[in-house]
């Protein structure tokens, strides 16, 4: 499993959705797309999307950091582990 691709692609997709939020809302206001309006994300769902981006951001940082290394990084495991769990404690 390519963690770099999986987590970072998810984060990029969610961030793109956030950037396009207003455009999507305007698009759904057009009469020809009225049947799609129920698909628009609610405010509660956007709150969850924001939470997901906050949770995934350190995954992106550490996977990109690790992918740039051309040596053994096992000795950094505790640093990464502590940072990730500190972040999760802060987000929750």
PDB file of N, CA and C in Angstrom:
ATOM      1  N   UNK A   1       0.849  -1.174   0.000  1.00  0.00           N
ATOM      2  CA  UNK A   1       0.000   0.000   0.000  1.00  0.00           C
ATOM      3  C   UNK A   1       0.897   1.239   0.000  1.00  0.00           C
ATOM      4  N   UNK A   2       0.650   2.147  -0.913  1.00  0.00           N
ATOM      5  CA  UNK A   2       1.438   3.367  -1.011  1.00  0.00           C
ATOM      6  C   UNK A   2       0.769   4.444  -0.155  1.00  0.00           C
ATOM      7  N   UNK A   3       1.214   4.556   1.078  1.00  0.00           N
ATOM      8  CA  UNK A   3       0.591   5.479   2.032  1.00  0.00           C
ATOM      9  C   UNK A   3       0.674   6.912   1.525  1.00  0.00           C
ATOM     10  N   UNK A   4       1.820   7.294   0.952  1.00  0.00           N
ATOM     11  CA  UNK A   4       1.991   8.653   0.460  1.00  0.00           C
ATOM     12  C   UNK A   4       0.856   9.015  -0.503  1.00  0.00           C
ATOM     13  N   UNK A   5       0.584   8.149  -1.432  1.00  0.00           N
ATOM     14  CA  UNK A   5      -0.444   8.416  -2.427  1.00  0.00           C
ATOM     15  C   UNK A   5      -1.827   8.402  -1.803  1.00  0.00           C
ATOM     16  N   UNK A   6      -2.087   7.420  -0.968  1.00  0.00           N
ATOM     17  CA  UNK A   6      -3.420   7.271  -0.399  1.00  0.00           C
ATOM     18  C   UNK A   6      -3.832   8.459   0.471  1.00  0.00           C
ATOM     19  N   UNK A   7      -3.055   8.761   1.493  1.00  0.00           N
ATOM     20  CA  UNK A   7      -3.420   9.832   2.412  1.00  0.00           C
ATOM     21  C   UNK A   7      -3.345  11.196   1.732  1.00  0.00           C
ATOM     22  N   UNK A   8      -2.295  11.436   0.991  1.00  0.00           N
ATOM     23  CA  UNK A   8      -2.121  12.749   0.388  1.00  0.00           C
ATOM     24  C   UNK A   8      -3.141  13.003  -0.704  1.00  0.00           C
ATOM     25  N   UNK A   9      -3.507  11.989  -1.452  1.00  0.00           N
ATOM     26  CA  UNK A   9      -4.548  12.166  -2.464  1.00  0.00           C
ATOM     27  C   UNK A   9      -5.882  12.491  -1.819  1.00  0.00           C
ATOM     28  N   UNK A  10      -6.175  11.850  -0.723  1.00  0.00           N
ATOM     29  CA  UNK A  10      -7.418  12.137  -0.003  1.00  0.00           C
ATOM     30  C   UNK A  10      -7.422  13.571   0.498  1.00  0.00           C
ATOM     31  N   UNK A  11      -6.322  13.992   1.078  1.00  0.00           N
ATOM     32  CA  UNK A  11      -6.235  15.359   1.586  1.00  0.00           C
ATOM     33  C   UNK A  11      -6.365  16.368   0.447  1.00  0.00           C
ATOM     34  N   UNK A  12      -5.683  16.135  -0.656  1.00  0.00           N
ATOM     35  CA  UNK A  12      -5.762  17.057  -1.788  1.00  0.00           C
ATOM     36  C   UNK A  12      -7.180  17.131  -2.347  1.00  0.00           C
ATOM     37  N   UNK A  13      -7.865  16.005  -2.408  1.00  0.00           N
ATOM     38  CA  UNK A  13      -9.241  15.971  -2.884  1.00  0.00           C
ATOM     39  C   UNK A  13     -10.158  16.787  -1.974  1.00  0.00           C
ATOM     40  N   UNK A  14     -10.010  16.618  -0.679  1.00  0.00           N
ATOM     41  CA  UNK A  14     -10.843  17.339   0.285  1.00  0.00           C
ATOM     42  C   UNK A  14     -10.541  18.837   0.243  1.00  0.00           C
ATOM     43  N   UNK A  15      -9.272  19.201   0.152  1.00  0.00           N
ATOM     44  CA  UNK A  15      -8.915  20.626   0.068  1.00  0.00           C
ATOM     45  C   UNK A  15      -9.443  21.254  -1.219  1.00  0.00           C
ATOM     46  N   UNK A  16      -9.410  20.515  -2.308  1.00  0.00           N
ATOM     47  CA  UNK A  16      -9.966  21.005  -3.576  1.00  0.00           C
ATOM     48  C   UNK A  16     -11.478  21.227  -3.443  1.00  0.00           C
ATOM     49  N   UNK A  17     -12.157  20.308  -2.803  1.00  0.00           N
ATOM     50  CA  UNK A  17     -13.603  20.457  -2.587  1.00  0.00           C
ATOM     51  C   UNK A  17     -13.894  21.724  -1.783  1.00  0.00           C
ATOM     52  N   UNK A  18     -13.057  22.010  -0.800  1.00  0.00           N
ATOM     53  CA  UNK A  18     -13.245  23.226   0.009  1.00  0.00           C
ATOM     54  C   UNK A  18     -13.062  24.482  -0.840  1.00  0.00           C
ATOM     55  N   UNK A  19     -12.043  24.460  -1.701  1.00  0.00           N
ATOM     56  CA  UNK A  19     -11.806  25.628  -2.571  1.00  0.00           C
ATOM     57  C   UNK A  19     -12.953  25.841  -3.553  1.00  0.00           C
ATOM     58  N   UNK A  20     -13.583  24.750  -3.979  1.00  0.00           N
ATOM     59  CA  UNK A  20     -14.651  24.836  -4.979  1.00  0.00           C
ATOM     60  C   UNK A  20     -16.047  24.960  -4.364  1.00  0.00           C
ATOM     61  N   UNK A  21     -16.107  25.045  -3.072  1.00  0.00           N
ATOM     62  CA  UNK A  21     -17.392  25.050  -2.366  1.00  0.00           C
ATOM     63  C   UNK A  21     -18.343  26.133  -2.890  1.00  0.00           C
ATOM     64  N   UNK A  22     -17.882  27.365  -2.946  1.00  0.00           N
ATOM     65  CA  UNK A  22     -18.756  28.465  -3.384  1.00  0.00           C
ATOM     66  C   UNK A  22     -19.149  28.329  -4.852  1.00  0.00           C
ATOM     67  N   UNK A  23     -18.204  27.911  -5.688  1.00  0.00           N
ATOM     68  CA  UNK A  23     -18.514  27.714  -7.116  1.00  0.00           C
ATOM     69  C   UNK A  23     -19.563  26.630  -7.299  1.00  0.00           C
ATOM     70  N   UNK A  24     -19.432  25.576  -6.538  1.00  0.00           N
ATOM     71  CA  UNK A  24     -20.398  24.480  -6.614  1.00  0.00           C
ATOM     72  C   UNK A  24     -21.777  24.950  -6.165  1.00  0.00           C
ATOM     73  N   UNK A  25     -21.792  25.744  -5.106  1.00  0.00           N
ATOM     74  CA  UNK A  25     -23.068  26.268  -4.614  1.00  0.00           C
ATOM     75  C   UNK A  25     -23.735  27.142  -5.686  1.00  0.00           C
ATOM     76  N   UNK A  26     -22.960  28.016  -6.315  1.00  0.00           N
ATOM     77  CA  UNK A  26     -23.507  28.874  -7.387  1.00  0.00           C
ATOM     78  C   UNK A  26     -24.004  28.027  -8.558  1.00  0.00           C
ATOM     79  N   UNK A  27     -23.245  27.011  -8.905  1.00  0.00           N
ATOM     80  CA  UNK A  27     -23.610  26.130 -10.010  1.00  0.00           C
ATOM     81  C   UNK A  27     -24.946  25.441  -9.725  1.00  0.00           C
ATOM     82  N   UNK A  28     -25.147  25.007  -8.494  1.00  0.00           N
ATOM     83  CA  UNK A  28     -26.383  24.313  -8.137  1.00  0.00           C
ATOM     84  C   UNK A  28     -27.586  25.245  -8.077  1.00  0.00           C
ATOM     85  N   UNK A  29     -27.363  26.540  -8.033  1.00  0.00           N
ATOM     86  CA  UNK A  29     -28.478  27.488  -8.020  1.00  0.00           C
ATOM     87  C   UNK A  29     -29.103  27.654  -9.399  1.00  0.00           C
ATOM     88  N   UNK A  30     -28.405  27.235 -10.450  1.00  0.00           N
ATOM     89  CA  UNK A  30     -28.937  27.346 -11.813  1.00  0.00           C
ATOM     90  C   UNK A  30     -30.106  26.384 -11.974  1.00  0.00           C
ATOM     91  N   UNK A  31     -31.170  26.851 -12.608  1.00  0.00           N
ATOM     92  CA  UNK A  31     -32.383  26.029 -12.737  1.00  0.00           C
ATOM     93  C   UNK A  31     -32.151  24.656 -13.369  1.00  0.00           C
ATOM     94  N   UNK A  32     -31.269  24.575 -14.344  1.00  0.00           N
ATOM     95  CA  UNK A  32     -31.059  23.290 -15.018  1.00  0.00           C
ATOM     96  C   UNK A  32     -30.393  22.235 -14.118  1.00  0.00           C
ATOM     97  N   UNK A  33     -29.868  22.660 -12.980  1.00  0.00           N
ATOM     98  CA  UNK A  33     -29.227  21.718 -12.056  1.00  0.00           C
ATOM     99  C   UNK A  33     -30.014  21.551 -10.758  1.00  0.00           C
ATOM    100  N   UNK A  34     -31.253  21.963 -10.759  1.00  0.00           N
ATOM    101  CA  UNK A  34     -32.050  21.923  -9.529  1.00  0.00           C
ATOM    102  C   UNK A  34     -32.190  20.505  -8.961  1.00  0.00           C
ATOM    103  N   UNK A  35     -32.208  19.505  -9.815  1.00  0.00           N
ATOM    104  CA  UNK A  35     -32.341  18.129  -9.313  1.00  0.00           C
ATOM    105  C   UNK A  35     -31.092  17.672  -8.551  1.00  0.00           C
ATOM    106  N   UNK A  36     -29.993  18.392  -8.717  1.00  0.00           N
ATOM    107  CA  UNK A  36     -28.740  18.039  -8.025  1.00  0.00           C
ATOM    108  C   UNK A  36     -28.596  18.735  -6.672  1.00  0.00           C
ATOM    109  N   UNK A  37     -29.441  19.695  -6.371  1.00  0.00           N
ATOM    110  CA  UNK A  37     -29.312  20.462  -5.129  1.00  0.00           C
ATOM    111  C   UNK A  37     -29.252  19.618  -3.860  1.00  0.00           C
ATOM    112  N   UNK A  38     -30.015  18.528  -3.778  1.00  0.00           N
ATOM    113  CA  UNK A  38     -29.909  17.707  -2.562  1.00  0.00           C
ATOM    114  C   UNK A  38     -28.505  17.116  -2.352  1.00  0.00           C
ATOM    115  N   UNK A  39     -27.687  17.113  -3.382  1.00  0.00           N
ATOM    116  CA  UNK A  39     -26.341  16.569  -3.271  1.00  0.00           C
ATOM    117  C   UNK A  39     -25.358  17.553  -2.626  1.00  0.00           C
ATOM    118  N   UNK A  40     -25.759  18.836  -2.554  1.00  0.00           N
ATOM    119  CA  UNK A  40     -24.836  19.821  -2.000  1.00  0.00           C
ATOM    120  C   UNK A  40     -24.603  19.547  -0.518  1.00  0.00           C
ATOM    121  N   UNK A  41     -23.370  19.683  -0.124  1.00  0.00           N
ATOM    122  CA  UNK A  41     -22.952  19.392   1.245  1.00  0.00           C
ATOM    123  C   UNK A  41     -23.552  20.379   2.236  1.00  0.00           C
ATOM    124  N   UNK A  42     -24.031  19.877   3.357  1.00  0.00           N
ATOM    125  CA  UNK A  42     -24.610  20.730   4.400  1.00  0.00           C
ATOM    126  C   UNK A  42     -23.498  21.387   5.222  1.00  0.00           C
ATOM    127  N   UNK A  43     -23.869  22.362   6.031  1.00  0.00           N
ATOM    128  CA  UNK A  43     -22.892  23.025   6.893  1.00  0.00           C
ATOM    129  C   UNK A  43     -22.249  22.034   7.867  1.00  0.00           C
ATOM    130  N   UNK A  44     -23.037  21.122   8.404  1.00  0.00           N
ATOM    131  CA  UNK A  44     -22.483  20.100   9.304  1.00  0.00           C
ATOM    132  C   UNK A  44     -21.454  19.228   8.584  1.00  0.00           C
ATOM    133  N   UNK A  45     -21.751  18.893   7.343  1.00  0.00           N
ATOM    134  CA  UNK A  45     -20.804  18.086   6.567  1.00  0.00           C
ATOM    135  C   UNK A  45     -19.524  18.858   6.276  1.00  0.00           C
ATOM    136  N   UNK A  46     -19.635  20.176   6.013  1.00  0.00           N
ATOM    137  CA  UNK A  46     -18.432  20.992   5.792  1.00  0.00           C
ATOM    138  C   UNK A  46     -17.595  21.069   7.064  1.00  0.00           C
ATOM    139  N   UNK A  47     -18.245  21.077   8.198  1.00  0.00           N
ATOM    140  CA  UNK A  47     -17.512  21.065   9.466  1.00  0.00           C
ATOM    141  C   UNK A  47     -16.695  19.779   9.586  1.00  0.00           C
ATOM    142  N   UNK A  48     -17.276  18.678   9.195  1.00  0.00           N
ATOM    143  CA  UNK A  48     -16.567  17.398   9.221  1.00  0.00           C
ATOM    144  C   UNK A  48     -15.416  17.407   8.219  1.00  0.00           C
ATOM    145  N   UNK A  49     -15.639  17.981   7.047  1.00  0.00           N
ATOM    146  CA  UNK A  49     -14.588  18.077   6.029  1.00  0.00           C
ATOM    147  C   UNK A  49     -13.404  18.870   6.573  1.00  0.00           C
ATOM    148  N   UNK A  50     -13.690  19.973   7.255  1.00  0.00           N
ATOM    149  CA  UNK A  50     -12.608  20.777   7.845  1.00  0.00           C
ATOM    150  C   UNK A  50     -11.843  19.952   8.886  1.00  0.00           C
ATOM    151  N   UNK A  51     -12.560  19.199   9.681  1.00  0.00           N
ATOM    152  CA  UNK A  51     -11.938  18.343  10.685  1.00  0.00           C
ATOM    153  C   UNK A  51     -11.029  17.302  10.021  1.00  0.00           C
ATOM    154  N   UNK A  52     -11.512  16.685   8.946  1.00  0.00           N
ATOM    155  CA  UNK A  52     -10.725  15.681   8.235  1.00  0.00           C
ATOM    156  C   UNK A  52      -9.433  16.288   7.693  1.00  0.00           C
ATOM    157  N   UNK A  53      -9.497  17.507   7.169  1.00  0.00           N
ATOM    158  CA  UNK A  53      -8.268  18.136   6.663  1.00  0.00           C
ATOM    159  C   UNK A  53      -7.277  18.365   7.793  1.00  0.00           C
ATOM    160  N   UNK A  54      -7.774  18.754   8.947  1.00  0.00           N
ATOM    161  CA  UNK A  54      -6.881  18.963  10.089  1.00  0.00           C
ATOM    162  C   UNK A  54      -6.246  17.656  10.547  1.00  0.00           C
ATOM    163  N   UNK A  55      -7.005  16.584  10.501  1.00  0.00           N
ATOM    164  CA  UNK A  55      -6.479  15.282  10.907  1.00  0.00           C
ATOM    165  C   UNK A  55      -5.429  14.787   9.910  1.00  0.00           C
ATOM    166  N   UNK A  56      -5.677  14.961   8.626  1.00  0.00           N
ATOM    167  CA  UNK A  56      -4.794  14.402   7.605  1.00  0.00           C
ATOM    168  C   UNK A  56      -3.536  15.227   7.325  1.00  0.00           C
ATOM    169  N   UNK A  57      -3.538  16.494   7.669  1.00  0.00           N
ATOM    170  CA  UNK A  57      -2.402  17.358   7.327  1.00  0.00           C
ATOM    171  C   UNK A  57      -1.046  16.820   7.812  1.00  0.00           C
ATOM    172  N   UNK A  58      -0.914  16.352   9.053  1.00  0.00           N
ATOM    173  CA  UNK A  58       0.396  15.817   9.451  1.00  0.00           C
ATOM    174  C   UNK A  58       0.772  14.536   8.708  1.00  0.00           C
ATOM    175  N   UNK A  59      -0.215  13.752   8.283  1.00  0.00           N
ATOM    176  CA  UNK A  59       0.098  12.579   7.468  1.00  0.00           C
ATOM    177  C   UNK A  59       0.793  13.029   6.183  1.00  0.00           C
ATOM    178  N   UNK A  60       0.276  14.096   5.599  1.00  0.00           N
ATOM    179  CA  UNK A  60       0.884  14.620   4.381  1.00  0.00           C
ATOM    180  C   UNK A  60       2.317  15.076   4.656  1.00  0.00           C
ATOM    181  N   UNK A  61       2.490  15.838   5.715  1.00  0.00           N
ATOM    182  CA  UNK A  61       3.822  16.341   6.035  1.00  0.00           C
ATOM    183  C   UNK A  61       4.824  15.192   6.198  1.00  0.00           C
ATOM    184  N   UNK A  62       4.469  14.218   7.026  1.00  0.00           N
ATOM    185  CA  UNK A  62       5.419  13.148   7.322  1.00  0.00           C
ATOM    186  C   UNK A  62       5.625  12.196   6.149  1.00  0.00           C
ATOM    187  N   UNK A  63       4.600  11.922   5.383  1.00  0.00           N
ATOM    188  CA  UNK A  63       4.809  11.036   4.229  1.00  0.00           C
ATOM    189  C   UNK A  63       5.687  11.708   3.188  1.00  0.00           C
ATOM    190  N   UNK A  64       5.499  13.007   2.971  1.00  0.00           N
ATOM    191  CA  UNK A  64       6.379  13.717   2.024  1.00  0.00           C
ATOM    192  C   UNK A  64       7.801  13.793   2.567  1.00  0.00           C
ATOM    193  N   UNK A  65       7.919  14.032   3.852  1.00  0.00           N
ATOM    194  CA  UNK A  65       9.245  14.098   4.475  1.00  0.00           C
ATOM    195  C   UNK A  65       9.975  12.758   4.322  1.00  0.00           C
ATOM    196  N   UNK A  66       9.253  11.667   4.612  1.00  0.00           N
ATOM    197  CA  UNK A  66       9.870  10.348   4.523  1.00  0.00           C
ATOM    198  C   UNK A  66      10.211   9.970   3.084  1.00  0.00           C
ATOM    199  N   UNK A  67       9.364  10.363   2.151  1.00  0.00           N
ATOM    200  CA  UNK A  67       9.611   9.981   0.757  1.00  0.00           C
ATOM    201  C   UNK A  67      10.832  10.687   0.173  1.00  0.00           C
ATOM    202  N   UNK A  68      11.250  11.791   0.767  1.00  0.00           N
ATOM    203  CA  UNK A  68      12.430  12.516   0.278  1.00  0.00           C
ATOM    204  C   UNK A  68      13.729  11.910   0.793  1.00  0.00           C
ATOM    205  N   UNK A  69      13.645  11.071   1.792  1.00  0.00           N
ATOM    206  CA  UNK A  69      14.834  10.466   2.377  1.00  0.00           C
ATOM    207  C   UNK A  69      15.298   9.286   1.531  1.00  0.00           C
ATOM    208  N   UNK A  70      16.592   9.208   1.372  1.00  0.00           N
ATOM    209  CA  UNK A  70      17.167   8.098   0.608  1.00  0.00           C
ATOM    210  C   UNK A  70      18.000   7.196   1.513  1.00  0.00           C
ATOM    211  N   UNK A  71      17.693   7.267   2.785  1.00  0.00           N
ATOM    212  CA  UNK A  71      18.400   6.447   3.768  1.00  0.00           C
ATOM    213  C   UNK A  71      17.377   5.827   4.711  1.00  0.00           C
ATOM    214  N   UNK A  72      17.851   5.043   5.630  1.00  0.00           N
ATOM    215  CA  UNK A  72      16.995   4.421   6.632  1.00  0.00           C
ATOM    216  C   UNK A  72      16.452   5.512   7.559  1.00  0.00           C
ATOM    217  N   UNK A  73      15.172   5.475   7.821  1.00  0.00           N
ATOM    218  CA  UNK A  73      14.556   6.508   8.668  1.00  0.00           C
ATOM    219  C   UNK A  73      13.957   5.931   9.939  1.00  0.00           C
ATOM    220  N   UNK A  74      14.242   4.672  10.200  1.00  0.00           N
ATOM    221  CA  UNK A  74      13.657   4.011  11.362  1.00  0.00           C
ATOM    222  C   UNK A  74      13.943   4.758  12.664  1.00  0.00           C
ATOM    223  N   UNK A  75      15.109   5.370  12.768  1.00  0.00           N
ATOM    224  CA  UNK A  75      15.455   6.078  14.000  1.00  0.00           C
ATOM    225  C   UNK A  75      14.599   7.333  14.210  1.00  0.00           C
ATOM    226  N   UNK A  76      13.840   7.749  13.198  1.00  0.00           N
ATOM    227  CA  UNK A  76      12.930   8.892  13.335  1.00  0.00           C
ATOM    228  C   UNK A  76      11.523   8.465  13.741  1.00  0.00           C
ATOM    229  N   UNK A  77      11.319   7.187  13.880  1.00  0.00           N
ATOM    230  CA  UNK A  77       9.992   6.646  14.154  1.00  0.00           C
ATOM    231  C   UNK A  77       9.344   7.264  15.382  1.00  0.00           C
ATOM    232  N   UNK A  78      10.083   7.381  16.470  1.00  0.00           N
ATOM    233  CA  UNK A  78       9.521   7.917  17.716  1.00  0.00           C
ATOM    234  C   UNK A  78       9.121   9.380  17.532  1.00  0.00           C
ATOM    235  N   UNK A  79       9.920  10.144  16.828  1.00  0.00           N
ATOM    236  CA  UNK A  79       9.592  11.551  16.564  1.00  0.00           C
ATOM    237  C   UNK A  79       8.290  11.661  15.780  1.00  0.00           C
ATOM    238  N   UNK A  80       8.187  10.874  14.721  1.00  0.00           N
ATOM    239  CA  UNK A  80       6.977  10.889  13.886  1.00  0.00           C
ATOM    240  C   UNK A  80       5.772  10.433  14.707  1.00  0.00           C
ATOM    241  N   UNK A  81       5.931   9.356  15.422  1.00  0.00           N
ATOM    242  CA  UNK A  81       4.860   8.796  16.246  1.00  0.00           C
ATOM    243  C   UNK A  81       4.368   9.832  17.267  1.00  0.00           C
ATOM    244  N   UNK A  82       5.292  10.438  17.991  1.00  0.00           N
ATOM    245  CA  UNK A  82       4.902  11.429  18.999  1.00  0.00           C
ATOM    246  C   UNK A  82       4.220  12.636  18.372  1.00  0.00           C
ATOM    247  N   UNK A  83       4.742  13.107  17.255  1.00  0.00           N
ATOM    248  CA  UNK A  83       4.136  14.254  16.585  1.00  0.00           C
ATOM    249  C   UNK A  83       2.712  13.937  16.135  1.00  0.00           C
ATOM    250  N   UNK A  84       2.523  12.767  15.555  1.00  0.00           N
ATOM    251  CA  UNK A  84       1.196  12.389  15.064  1.00  0.00           C
ATOM    252  C   UNK A  84       0.187  12.285  16.221  1.00  0.00           C
ATOM    253  N   UNK A  85       0.590  11.643  17.301  1.00  0.00           N
ATOM    254  CA  UNK A  85      -0.338  11.479  18.410  1.00  0.00           C
ATOM    255  C   UNK A  85      -0.563  12.785  19.171  1.00  0.00           C
ATOM    256  N   UNK A  86       0.447  13.630  19.268  1.00  0.00           N
ATOM    257  CA  UNK A  86       0.241  14.960  19.856  1.00  0.00           C
ATOM    258  C   UNK A  86      -0.757  15.755  19.038  1.00  0.00           C
ATOM    259  N   UNK A  87      -0.614  15.678  17.721  1.00  0.00           N
ATOM    260  CA  UNK A  87      -1.539  16.370  16.831  1.00  0.00           C
ATOM    261  C   UNK A  87      -2.962  15.832  17.004  1.00  0.00           C
ATOM    262  N   UNK A  88      -3.101  14.513  17.030  1.00  0.00           N
ATOM    263  CA  UNK A  88      -4.435  13.923  17.175  1.00  0.00           C
ATOM    264  C   UNK A  88      -5.058  14.312  18.513  1.00  0.00           C
ATOM    265  N   UNK A  89      -4.266  14.350  19.568  1.00  0.00           N
ATOM    266  CA  UNK A  89      -4.781  14.789  20.871  1.00  0.00           C
ATOM    267  C   UNK A  89      -5.273  16.227  20.795  1.00  0.00           C
ATOM    268  N   UNK A  90      -4.522  17.066  20.093  1.00  0.00           N
ATOM    269  CA  UNK A  90      -4.899  18.474  19.955  1.00  0.00           C
ATOM    270  C   UNK A  90      -6.143  18.672  19.117  1.00  0.00           C
ATOM    271  N   UNK A  91      -6.298  17.878  18.075  1.00  0.00           N
ATOM    272  CA  UNK A  91      -7.456  17.992  17.169  1.00  0.00           C
ATOM    273  C   UNK A  91      -8.708  17.492  17.855  1.00  0.00           C
ATOM    274  N   UNK A  92      -8.592  16.432  18.625  1.00  0.00           N
ATOM    275  CA  UNK A  92      -9.769  15.851  19.275  1.00  0.00           C
ATOM    276  C   UNK A  92     -10.165  16.727  20.435  1.00  0.00           C
TER     277      UNK A  92
END
